[in-house]
Amino acid sequence: EAFLLNSGSVPQDKVKFYIHWVWRFLKSCHYQLDSINTESLSQYLDS
């Protein structure tokens, strides 16, 4: 969240939504950062 706010790549009022989507993605990956790949992203977006 701090990264998004400092980088300015996302409007400030949208940051909470970006956090929400990333949280759901991490939850779908069982918080295993090593297992993140195009397939896991594709499965998440399909859902």
All heavy atoms as atom14 arrays in JSON, in Angstrom:
{
  "sequence": "EAFLLNSGSVPQDKVKFYIHWVWRFLKSCHYQLDSINTESLSQYLDS",
  "atom14_mask": [
    [1, 1, 1, 1, 1, 1, 1, 1, 1, 0, 0, 0, 0, 0],
    [1, 1, 1, 1, 1, 0, 0, 0, 0, 0, 0, 0, 0, 0],
    [1, 1, 1, 1, 1, 1, 1, 1, 1, 1, 1, 0, 0, 0],
    [1, 1, 1, 1, 1, 1, 1, 1, 0, 0, 0, 0, 0, 0],
    [1, 1, 1, 1, 1, 1, 1, 1, 0, 0, 0, 0, 0, 0],
    [1, 1, 1, 1, 1, 1, 1, 1, 0, 0, 0, 0, 0, 0],
    [1, 1, 1, 1, 1, 1, 0, 0, 0, 0, 0, 0, 0, 0],
    [1, 1, 1, 1, 0, 0, 0, 0, 0, 0, 0, 0, 0, 0],
    [1, 1, 1, 1, 1, 1, 0, 0, 0, 0, 0, 0, 0, 0],
    [1, 1, 1, 1, 1, 1, 1, 0, 0, 0, 0, 0, 0, 0],
    [1, 1, 1, 1, 1, 1, 1, 0, 0, 0, 0, 0, 0, 0],
    [1, 1, 1, 1, 1, 1, 1, 1, 1, 0, 0, 0, 0, 0],
    [1, 1, 1, 1, 1, 1, 1, 1, 0, 0, 0, 0, 0, 0],
    [1, 1, 1, 1, 1, 1, 1, 1, 1, 0, 0, 0, 0, 0],
    [1, 1, 1, 1, 1, 1, 1, 0, 0, 0, 0, 0, 0, 0],
    [1, 1, 1, 1, 1, 1, 1, 1, 1, 0, 0, 0, 0, 0],
    [1, 1, 1, 1, 1, 1, 1, 1, 1, 1, 1, 0, 0, 0],
    [1, 1, 1, 1, 1, 1, 1, 1, 1, 1, 1, 1, 0, 0],
    [1, 1, 1, 1, 1, 1, 1, 1, 0, 0, 0, 0, 0, 0],
    [1, 1, 1, 1, 1, 1, 1, 1, 1, 1, 0, 0, 0, 0],
    [1, 1, 1, 1, 1, 1, 1, 1, 1, 1, 1, 1, 1, 1],
    [1, 1, 1, 1, 1, 1, 1, 0, 0, 0, 0, 0, 0, 0],
    [1, 1, 1, 1, 1, 1, 1, 1, 1, 1, 1, 1, 1, 1],
    [1, 1, 1, 1, 1, 1, 1, 1, 1, 1, 1, 0, 0, 0],
    [1, 1, 1, 1, 1, 1, 1, 1, 1, 1, 1, 0, 0, 0],
    [1, 1, 1, 1, 1, 1, 1, 1, 0, 0, 0, 0, 0, 0],
    [1, 1, 1, 1, 1, 1, 1, 1, 1, 0, 0, 0, 0, 0],
    [1, 1, 1, 1, 1, 1, 0, 0, 0, 0, 0, 0, 0, 0],
    [1, 1, 1, 1, 1, 1, 0, 0, 0, 0, 0, 0, 0, 0],
    [1, 1, 1, 1, 1, 1, 1, 1, 1, 1, 0, 0, 0, 0],
    [1, 1, 1, 1, 1, 1, 1, 1, 1, 1, 1, 1, 0, 0],
    [1, 1, 1, 1, 1, 1, 1, 1, 1, 0, 0, 0, 0, 0],
    [1, 1, 1, 1, 1, 1, 1, 1, 0, 0, 0, 0, 0, 0],
    [1, 1, 1, 1, 1, 1, 1, 1, 0, 0, 0, 0, 0, 0],
    [1, 1, 1, 1, 1, 1, 0, 0, 0, 0, 0, 0, 0, 0],
    [1, 1, 1, 1, 1, 1, 1, 1, 0, 0, 0, 0, 0, 0],
    [1, 1, 1, 1, 1, 1, 1, 1, 0, 0, 0, 0, 0, 0],
    [1, 1, 1, 1, 1, 1, 1, 0, 0, 0, 0, 0, 0, 0],
    [1, 1, 1, 1, 1, 1, 1, 1, 1, 0, 0, 0, 0, 0],
    [1, 1, 1, 1, 1, 1, 0, 0, 0, 0, 0, 0, 0, 0],
    [1, 1, 1, 1, 1, 1, 1, 1, 0, 0, 0, 0, 0, 0],
    [1, 1, 1, 1, 1, 1, 0, 0, 0, 0, 0, 0, 0, 0],
    [1, 1, 1, 1, 1, 1, 1, 1, 1, 0, 0, 0, 0, 0],
    [1, 1, 1, 1, 1, 1, 1, 1, 1, 1, 1, 1, 0, 0],
    [1, 1, 1, 1, 1, 1, 1, 1, 0, 0, 0, 0, 0, 0],
    [1, 1, 1, 1, 1, 1, 1, 1, 0, 0, 0, 0, 0, 0],
    [1, 1, 1, 1, 1, 1, 0, 0, 0, 0, 0, 0, 0, 0]
  ],
  "atom14_positions": [
    [[0.84, -1.2, 0.0], [0.0, 0.0, 0.0], [0.88, 1.26, 0.0], [0.64, 2.2, -0.76], [-0.92, -0.01, 1.21], [-1.84, 1.18, 1.3], [-2.79, 1.1, 2.49], [-2.63, 0.22, 3.34], [-3.69, 1.96, 2.55], [0.0, 0.0, 0.0], [0.0, 0.0, 0.0], [0.0, 0.0, 0.0], [0.0, 0.0, 0.0], [0.0, 0.0, 0.0]],
    [[1.89, 1.26, 0.84], [2.82, 2.39, 0.88], [3.54, 2.54, -0.46], [3.74, 3.65, -0.94], [3.82, 2.2, 2.02], [0.0, 0.0, 0.0], [0.0, 0.0, 0.0], [0.0, 0.0, 0.0], [0.0, 0.0, 0.0], [0.0, 0.0, 0.0], [0.0, 0.0, 0.0], [0.0, 0.0, 0.0], [0.0, 0.0, 0.0], [0.0, 0.0, 0.0]],
    [[3.91, 1.41, -1.05], [4.57, 1.42, -2.37], [3.67, 2.09, -3.4], [4.12, 2.92, -4.2], [4.91, -0.01, -2.77], [5.38, -0.16, -4.19], [6.69, 0.13, -4.54], [4.51, -0.59, -5.18], [7.12, -0.01, -5.85], [4.92, -0.73, -6.48], [6.24, -0.44, -6.83], [0.0, 0.0, 0.0], [0.0, 0.0, 0.0], [0.0, 0.0, 0.0]],
    [[2.38, 1.72, -3.41], [1.44, 2.29, -4.37], [1.26, 3.78, -4.16], [1.24, 4.57, -5.11], [0.08, 1.59, -4.28], [0.0, 0.15, -4.77], [-1.38, -0.42, -4.51], [0.35, 0.05, -6.24], [0.0, 0.0, 0.0], [0.0, 0.0, 0.0], [0.0, 0.0, 0.0], [0.0, 0.0, 0.0], [0.0, 0.0, 0.0], [0.0, 0.0, 0.0]],
    [[1.14, 4.17, -2.89], [0.96, 5.59, -2.59], [2.18, 6.41, -2.97], [2.06, 7.51, -3.5], [0.63, 5.77, -1.11], [-0.75, 5.24, -0.67], [-0.87, 5.26, 0.84], [-1.87, 6.05, -1.32], [0.0, 0.0, 0.0], [0.0, 0.0, 0.0], [0.0, 0.0, 0.0], [0.0, 0.0, 0.0], [0.0, 0.0, 0.0], [0.0, 0.0, 0.0]],
    [[3.37, 5.87, -2.7], [4.61, 6.59, -3.01], [4.92, 6.63, -4.5], [5.48, 7.59, -4.99], [5.79, 5.99, -2.25], [5.68, 6.23, -0.76], [5.06, 7.18, -0.32], [6.28, 5.34, 0.02], [0.0, 0.0, 0.0], [0.0, 0.0, 0.0], [0.0, 0.0, 0.0], [0.0, 0.0, 0.0], [0.0, 0.0, 0.0], [0.0, 0.0, 0.0]],
    [[4.57, 5.56, -5.21], [4.9, 5.5, -6.63], [3.98, 6.37, -7.47], [4.35, 6.81, -8.56], [4.86, 4.06, -7.14], [3.52, 3.6, -7.18], [0.0, 0.0, 0.0], [0.0, 0.0, 0.0], [0.0, 0.0, 0.0], [0.0, 0.0, 0.0], [0.0, 0.0, 0.0], [0.0, 0.0, 0.0], [0.0, 0.0, 0.0], [0.0, 0.0, 0.0]],
    [[2.77, 6.59, -7.0], [1.81, 7.39, -7.75], [1.26, 6.68, -8.97], [0.64, 7.3, -9.83], [0.0, 0.0, 0.0], [0.0, 0.0, 0.0], [0.0, 0.0, 0.0], [0.0, 0.0, 0.0], [0.0, 0.0, 0.0], [0.0, 0.0, 0.0], [0.0, 0.0, 0.0], [0.0, 0.0, 0.0], [0.0, 0.0, 0.0], [0.0, 0.0, 0.0]],
    [[1.48, 5.38, -9.07], [1.01, 4.63, -10.24], [-0.49, 4.33, -10.19], [-1.07, 3.94, -11.2], [1.79, 3.32, -10.38], [1.69, 2.57, -9.2], [0.0, 0.0, 0.0], [0.0, 0.0, 0.0], [0.0, 0.0, 0.0], [0.0, 0.0, 0.0], [0.0, 0.0, 0.0], [0.0, 0.0, 0.0], [0.0, 0.0, 0.0], [0.0, 0.0, 0.0]],
    [[-1.09, 4.53, -9.02], [-2.51, 4.28, -8.84], [-3.11, 5.5, -8.14], [-2.51, 6.02, -7.2], [-2.73, 3.02, -7.96], [-4.2, 2.78, -7.68], [-2.12, 1.79, -8.62], [0.0, 0.0, 0.0], [0.0, 0.0, 0.0], [0.0, 0.0, 0.0], [0.0, 0.0, 0.0], [0.0, 0.0, 0.0], [0.0, 0.0, 0.0], [0.0, 0.0, 0.0]],
    [[-4.27, 5.97, -8.61], [-4.9, 7.08, -7.9], [-5.15, 6.71, -6.43], [-5.49, 5.57, -6.11], [-6.24, 7.28, -8.64], [-6.02, 6.68, -9.98], [-5.03, 5.56, -9.78], [0.0, 0.0, 0.0], [0.0, 0.0, 0.0], [0.0, 0.0, 0.0], [0.0, 0.0, 0.0], [0.0, 0.0, 0.0], [0.0, 0.0, 0.0], [0.0, 0.0, 0.0]],
    [[-4.97, 7.67, -5.56], [-5.02, 7.42, -4.12], [-6.35, 6.79, -3.69], [-6.36, 5.91, -2.83], [-4.79, 8.72, -3.37], [-4.43, 8.54, -1.92], [-3.94, 9.83, -1.3], [-3.93, 10.88, -1.94], [-3.54, 9.76, -0.06], [0.0, 0.0, 0.0], [0.0, 0.0, 0.0], [0.0, 0.0, 0.0], [0.0, 0.0, 0.0], [0.0, 0.0, 0.0]],
    [[-7.46, 7.2, -4.32], [-8.75, 6.66, -3.94], [-8.98, 5.23, -4.44], [-9.94, 4.58, -4.04], [-9.89, 7.58, -4.41], [-9.92, 7.75, -5.92], [-8.85, 7.67, -6.55], [-11.02, 7.96, -6.46], [0.0, 0.0, 0.0], [0.0, 0.0, 0.0], [0.0, 0.0, 0.0], [0.0, 0.0, 0.0], [0.0, 0.0, 0.0], [0.0, 0.0, 0.0]],
    [[-8.09, 4.73, -5.29], [-8.21, 3.36, -5.82], [-7.28, 2.37, -5.12], [-7.39, 1.17, -5.35], [-7.93, 3.34, -7.32], [-8.77, 4.28, -8.14], [-10.19, 3.82, -8.26], [-10.96, 4.68, -9.23], [-11.99, 5.48, -8.63], [0.0, 0.0, 0.0], [0.0, 0.0, 0.0], [0.0, 0.0, 0.0], [0.0, 0.0, 0.0], [0.0, 0.0, 0.0]],
    [[-6.38, 2.85, -4.29], [-5.37, 1.99, -3.66], [-6.03, 0.87, -2.85], [-5.61, -0.28, -2.92], [-4.39, 2.82, -2.81], [-3.53, 1.94, -1.92], [-3.53, 3.7, -3.69], [0.0, 0.0, 0.0], [0.0, 0.0, 0.0], [0.0, 0.0, 0.0], [0.0, 0.0, 0.0], [0.0, 0.0, 0.0], [0.0, 0.0, 0.0], [0.0, 0.0, 0.0]],
    [[-7.09, 1.19, -2.12], [-7.74, 0.17, -1.29], [-8.29, -0.97, -2.14], [-8.29, -2.13, -1.71], [-8.81, 0.78, -0.41], [-9.98, 1.38, -1.16], [-10.97, 2.03, -0.22], [-12.07, 2.71, -1.03], [-12.99, 3.43, -0.17], [0.0, 0.0, 0.0], [0.0, 0.0, 0.0], [0.0, 0.0, 0.0], [0.0, 0.0, 0.0], [0.0, 0.0, 0.0]],
    [[-8.73, -0.67, -3.35], [-9.25, -1.71, -4.22], [-8.12, -2.6, -4.75], [-8.27, -3.82, -4.84], [-10.05, -1.11, -5.38], [-11.22, -0.3, -4.92], [-11.23, 1.08, -5.08], [-12.31, -0.9, -4.3], [-12.3, 1.83, -4.65], [-13.39, -0.16, -3.87], [-13.39, 1.22, -4.04], [0.0, 0.0, 0.0], [0.0, 0.0, 0.0], [0.0, 0.0, 0.0]],
    [[-6.99, -1.98, -5.07], [-5.83, -2.74, -5.52], [-5.36, -3.68, -4.41], [-5.03, -4.84, -4.66], [-4.69, -1.8, -5.96], [-4.84, -1.32, -7.38], [-5.93, -0.56, -7.78], [-3.89, -1.64, -8.32], [-6.06, -0.13, -9.08], [-4.01, -1.21, -9.63], [-5.1, -0.46, -10.0], [-5.23, -0.05, -11.3], [0.0, 0.0, 0.0], [0.0, 0.0, 0.0]],
    [[-5.36, -3.19, -3.17], [-4.99, -4.03, -2.03], [-5.96, -5.2, -1.9], [-5.55, -6.34, -1.67], [-4.96, -3.19, -0.73], [-3.92, -2.08, -0.82], [-4.75, -4.07, 0.5], [-2.5, -2.57, -1.0], [0.0, 0.0, 0.0], [0.0, 0.0, 0.0], [0.0, 0.0, 0.0], [0.0, 0.0, 0.0], [0.0, 0.0, 0.0], [0.0, 0.0, 0.0]],
    [[-7.24, -4.93, -2.08], [-8.26, -5.98, -1.99], [-8.01, -7.09, -3.02], [-8.04, -8.28, -2.69], [-9.65, -5.37, -2.21], [-10.73, -6.38, -2.37], [-11.25, -7.09, -1.3], [-11.38, -6.85, -3.48], [-12.18, -7.92, -1.75], [-12.27, -7.8, -3.06], [0.0, 0.0, 0.0], [0.0, 0.0, 0.0], [0.0, 0.0, 0.0], [0.0, 0.0, 0.0]],
    [[-7.76, -6.68, -4.28], [-7.55, -7.68, -5.32], [-6.27, -8.49, -5.08], [-6.26, -9.7, -5.3], [-7.5, -7.03, -6.71], [-8.79, -6.38, -7.1], [-8.97, -5.07, -7.44], [-10.08, -7.0, -7.21], [-10.29, -4.85, -7.73], [-10.99, -6.01, -7.6], [-10.54, -8.3, -7.0], [-12.35, -6.27, -7.79], [-11.89, -8.56, -7.19], [-12.77, -7.55, -7.58]],
    [[-5.23, -7.86, -4.62], [-3.98, -8.58, -4.33], [-4.18, -9.52, -3.16], [-3.71, -10.66, -3.18], [-2.81, -7.59, -4.07], [-1.59, -8.32, -3.54], [-2.47, -6.84, -5.35], [0.0, 0.0, 0.0], [0.0, 0.0, 0.0], [0.0, 0.0, 0.0], [0.0, 0.0, 0.0], [0.0, 0.0, 0.0], [0.0, 0.0, 0.0], [0.0, 0.0, 0.0]],
    [[-4.91, -9.07, -2.15], [-5.19, -9.94, -0.99], [-5.95, -11.18, -1.45], [-5.62, -12.3, -1.05], [-5.99, -9.17, 0.06], [-6.44, -10.05, 1.19], [-5.69, -10.5, 2.23], [-7.74, -10.6, 1.37], [-6.44, -11.31, 3.05], [-7.72, -11.38, 2.53], [-8.94, -10.52, 0.65], [-8.83, -12.07, 3.0], [-10.04, -11.19, 1.13], [-9.98, -11.96, 2.28]],
    [[-6.94, -11.02, -2.32], [-7.69, -12.18, -2.82], [-6.79, -13.1, -3.65], [-6.91, -14.32, -3.58], [-8.89, -11.72, -3.66], [-10.02, -11.19, -2.8], [-11.22, -10.82, -3.61], [-11.79, -11.97, -4.3], [-13.01, -11.99, -4.82], [-13.78, -10.93, -4.73], [-13.45, -13.05, -5.44], [0.0, 0.0, 0.0], [0.0, 0.0, 0.0], [0.0, 0.0, 0.0]],
    [[-5.91, -12.5, -4.43], [-4.98, -13.31, -5.22], [-4.06, -14.12, -4.31], [-3.86, -15.32, -4.52], [-4.16, -12.41, -6.15], [-3.08, -13.14, -6.89], [-3.39, -14.08, -7.86], [-1.75, -12.9, -6.61], [-2.39, -14.76, -8.54], [-0.75, -13.57, -7.29], [-1.07, -14.51, -8.26], [0.0, 0.0, 0.0], [0.0, 0.0, 0.0], [0.0, 0.0, 0.0]],
    [[-3.49, -13.47, -3.31], [-2.6, -14.17, -2.38], [-3.34, -15.28, -1.65], [-2.8, -16.36, -1.43], [-1.97, -13.19, -1.39], [-0.95, -12.22, -1.98], [-0.52, -11.21, -0.93], [0.23, -12.96, -2.56], [0.0, 0.0, 0.0], [0.0, 0.0, 0.0], [0.0, 0.0, 0.0], [0.0, 0.0, 0.0], [0.0, 0.0, 0.0], [0.0, 0.0, 0.0]],
    [[-4.57, -15.0, -1.3], [-5.4, -16.01, -0.63], [-5.61, -17.21, -1.56], [-5.54, -18.35, -1.13], [-6.73, -15.4, -0.22], [-7.58, -16.27, 0.64], [-8.85, -15.53, 1.06], [-9.77, -16.45, 1.81], [-11.04, -15.8, 2.13], [0.0, 0.0, 0.0], [0.0, 0.0, 0.0], [0.0, 0.0, 0.0], [0.0, 0.0, 0.0], [0.0, 0.0, 0.0]],
    [[-5.83, -16.94, -2.85], [-6.04, -18.04, -3.8], [-4.76, -18.86, -4.01], [-4.82, -20.02, -4.37], [-6.55, -17.51, -5.15], [-5.52, -16.89, -5.88], [0.0, 0.0, 0.0], [0.0, 0.0, 0.0], [0.0, 0.0, 0.0], [0.0, 0.0, 0.0], [0.0, 0.0, 0.0], [0.0, 0.0, 0.0], [0.0, 0.0, 0.0], [0.0, 0.0, 0.0]],
    [[-3.61, -18.22, -3.77], [-2.31, -18.91, -3.87], [-1.86, -19.49, -2.53], [-0.72, -19.97, -2.42], [-1.23, -17.95, -4.37], [-1.45, -17.37, -6.03], [0.0, 0.0, 0.0], [0.0, 0.0, 0.0], [0.0, 0.0, 0.0], [0.0, 0.0, 0.0], [0.0, 0.0, 0.0], [0.0, 0.0, 0.0], [0.0, 0.0, 0.0], [0.0, 0.0, 0.0]],
    [[-2.73, -19.41, -1.54], [-2.41, -19.9, -0.19], [-1.18, -19.2, 0.37], [-0.38, -19.8, 1.09], [-2.24, -21.41, -0.16], [-3.42, -22.14, -0.73], [-4.62, -22.22, -0.09], [-3.57, -22.79, -1.91], [-5.48, -22.9, -0.84], [-4.86, -23.26, -1.95], [0.0, 0.0, 0.0], [0.0, 0.0, 0.0], [0.0, 0.0, 0.0], [0.0, 0.0, 0.0]],
    [[-1.02, -17.93, 0.02], [0.07, -17.08, 0.52], [1.46, -17.64, 0.2], [2.41, -17.32, 0.87], [-0.08, -16.81, 2.02], [-1.39, -16.17, 2.36], [-2.46, -16.93, 2.81], [-1.58, -14.81, 2.22], [-3.68, -16.34, 3.12], [-2.79, -14.21, 2.53], [-3.84, -14.98, 2.98], [-5.03, -14.4, 3.28], [0.0, 0.0, 0.0], [0.0, 0.0, 0.0]],
    [[1.55, -18.47, -0.82], [2.84, -19.03, -1.24], [3.41, -18.16, -2.35], [3.09, -18.33, -3.52], [2.66, -20.47, -1.74], [2.07, -21.41, -0.72], [3.0, -21.63, 0.45], [4.21, -21.72, 0.29], [2.43, -21.67, 1.64], [0.0, 0.0, 0.0], [0.0, 0.0, 0.0], [0.0, 0.0, 0.0], [0.0, 0.0, 0.0], [0.0, 0.0, 0.0]],
    [[4.26, -17.22, -1.98], [4.82, -16.29, -2.97], [5.65, -17.01, -4.02], [5.76, -16.55, -5.16], [5.64, -15.2, -2.29], [4.89, -14.28, -1.33], [5.83, -13.26, -0.72], [3.73, -13.6, -2.02], [0.0, 0.0, 0.0], [0.0, 0.0, 0.0], [0.0, 0.0, 0.0], [0.0, 0.0, 0.0], [0.0, 0.0, 0.0], [0.0, 0.0, 0.0]],
    [[6.25, -18.13, -3.66], [7.06, -18.89, -4.61], [6.23, -19.55, -5.7], [6.75, -19.9, -6.76], [7.9, -19.95, -3.9], [8.94, -19.33, -2.98], [9.32, -18.16, -3.22], [9.37, -20.0, -2.03], [0.0, 0.0, 0.0], [0.0, 0.0, 0.0], [0.0, 0.0, 0.0], [0.0, 0.0, 0.0], [0.0, 0.0, 0.0], [0.0, 0.0, 0.0]],
    [[4.93, -19.75, -5.43], [4.09, -20.45, -6.4], [3.4, -19.48, -7.37], [2.6, -19.9, -8.2], [3.04, -21.3, -5.68], [2.11, -20.46, -5.01], [0.0, 0.0, 0.0], [0.0, 0.0, 0.0], [0.0, 0.0, 0.0], [0.0, 0.0, 0.0], [0.0, 0.0, 0.0], [0.0, 0.0, 0.0], [0.0, 0.0, 0.0], [0.0, 0.0, 0.0]],
    [[3.7, -18.2, -7.27], [3.08, -17.23, -8.17], [3.7, -17.33, -9.56], [4.91, -17.24, -9.71], [3.24, -15.79, -7.61], [2.46, -15.65, -6.31], [2.78, -14.77, -8.64], [2.67, -14.32, -5.63], [0.0, 0.0, 0.0], [0.0, 0.0, 0.0], [0.0, 0.0, 0.0], [0.0, 0.0, 0.0], [0.0, 0.0, 0.0], [0.0, 0.0, 0.0]],
    [[2.85, -17.56, -10.55], [3.29, -17.63, -11.95], [2.11, -17.28, -12.85], [1.03, -16.93, -12.35], [3.85, -19.03, -12.27], [2.87, -20.13, -11.94], [1.66, -19.96, -12.05], [3.38, -21.28, -11.54], [0.0, 0.0, 0.0], [0.0, 0.0, 0.0], [0.0, 0.0, 0.0], [0.0, 0.0, 0.0], [0.0, 0.0, 0.0], [0.0, 0.0, 0.0]],
    [[2.31, -17.34, -14.14], [1.24, -16.98, -15.08], [0.03, -17.89, -14.93], [-1.1, -17.46, -15.08], [1.74, -17.02, -16.53], [2.32, -18.28, -16.79], [2.73, -15.92, -16.8], [0.0, 0.0, 0.0], [0.0, 0.0, 0.0], [0.0, 0.0, 0.0], [0.0, 0.0, 0.0], [0.0, 0.0, 0.0], [0.0, 0.0, 0.0], [0.0, 0.0, 0.0]],
    [[0.28, -19.15, -14.61], [-0.83, -20.09, -14.45], [-1.69, -19.74, -13.23], [-2.91, -19.74, -13.31], [-0.3, -21.52, -14.31], [-1.39, -22.56, -14.27], [-0.84, -23.98, -14.19], [0.23, -24.24, -14.76], [-1.5, -24.81, -13.54], [0.0, 0.0, 0.0], [0.0, 0.0, 0.0], [0.0, 0.0, 0.0], [0.0, 0.0, 0.0], [0.0, 0.0, 0.0]],
    [[-1.05, -19.41, -12.11], [-1.82, -19.05, -10.91], [-2.59, -17.75, -11.14], [-3.73, -17.62, -10.7], [-0.92, -18.94, -9.68], [0.06, -17.93, -9.85], [0.0, 0.0, 0.0], [0.0, 0.0, 0.0], [0.0, 0.0, 0.0], [0.0, 0.0, 0.0], [0.0, 0.0, 0.0], [0.0, 0.0, 0.0], [0.0, 0.0, 0.0], [0.0, 0.0, 0.0]],
    [[-1.99, -16.8, -11.86], [-2.69, -15.56, -12.18], [-3.87, -15.85, -13.1], [-4.97, -15.33, -12.89], [-1.74, -14.56, -12.83], [-2.37, -13.26, -13.31], [-3.04, -12.5, -12.17], [-1.33, -12.38, -14.0], [0.0, 0.0, 0.0], [0.0, 0.0, 0.0], [0.0, 0.0, 0.0], [0.0, 0.0, 0.0], [0.0, 0.0, 0.0], [0.0, 0.0, 0.0]],
    [[-3.66, -16.68, -14.08], [-4.73, -17.03, -15.02], [-5.9, -17.71, -14.3], [-7.07, -17.4, -14.55], [-4.18, -17.93, -16.11], [-5.2, -18.29, -17.0], [0.0, 0.0, 0.0], [0.0, 0.0, 0.0], [0.0, 0.0, 0.0], [0.0, 0.0, 0.0], [0.0, 0.0, 0.0], [0.0, 0.0, 0.0], [0.0, 0.0, 0.0], [0.0, 0.0, 0.0]],
    [[-5.6, -18.63, -13.4], [-6.65, -19.31, -12.63], [-7.44, -18.32, -11.79], [-8.67, -18.38, -11.7], [-6.05, -20.4, -11.76], [-5.55, -21.59, -12.52], [-4.8, -22.58, -11.64], [-4.52, -22.32, -10.47], [-4.47, -23.72, -12.21], [0.0, 0.0, 0.0], [0.0, 0.0, 0.0], [0.0, 0.0, 0.0], [0.0, 0.0, 0.0], [0.0, 0.0, 0.0]],
    [[-6.72, -17.39, -11.15], [-7.37, -16.38, -10.32], [-8.3, -15.51, -11.17], [-9.46, -15.28, -10.8], [-6.3, -15.53, -9.63], [-6.82, -14.31, -8.92], [-7.66, -14.42, -7.82], [-6.48, -13.03, -9.35], [-8.13, -13.3, -7.16], [-6.95, -11.91, -8.71], [-7.77, -12.05, -7.61], [-8.24, -10.93, -6.96], [0.0, 0.0, 0.0], [0.0, 0.0, 0.0]],
    [[-7.82, -15.04, -12.3], [-8.63, -14.18, -13.15], [-9.82, -14.93, -13.74], [-10.92, -14.38, -13.87], [-7.78, -13.57, -14.26], [-6.68, -12.62, -13.77], [-5.81, -12.16, -14.93], [-7.25, -11.44, -13.01], [0.0, 0.0, 0.0], [0.0, 0.0, 0.0], [0.0, 0.0, 0.0], [0.0, 0.0, 0.0], [0.0, 0.0, 0.0], [0.0, 0.0, 0.0]],
    [[-9.62, -16.21, -14.07], [-10.74, -17.03, -14.55], [-11.83, -17.14, -13.49], [-13.02, -17.09, -13.8], [-10.27, -18.42, -14.96], [-9.48, -18.42, -16.26], [-9.52, -17.41, -16.99], [-8.8, -19.44, -16.53], [0.0, 0.0, 0.0], [0.0, 0.0, 0.0], [0.0, 0.0, 0.0], [0.0, 0.0, 0.0], [0.0, 0.0, 0.0], [0.0, 0.0, 0.0]],
    [[-11.41, -17.29, -12.23], [-12.4, -17.39, -11.15], [-13.16, -16.07, -10.99], [-14.35, -16.07, -10.69], [-11.74, -17.8, -9.83], [-10.96, -16.74, -9.3], [0.0, 0.0, 0.0], [0.0, 0.0, 0.0], [0.0, 0.0, 0.0], [0.0, 0.0, 0.0], [0.0, 0.0, 0.0], [0.0, 0.0, 0.0], [0.0, 0.0, 0.0], [0.0, 0.0, 0.0]]
  ]
}
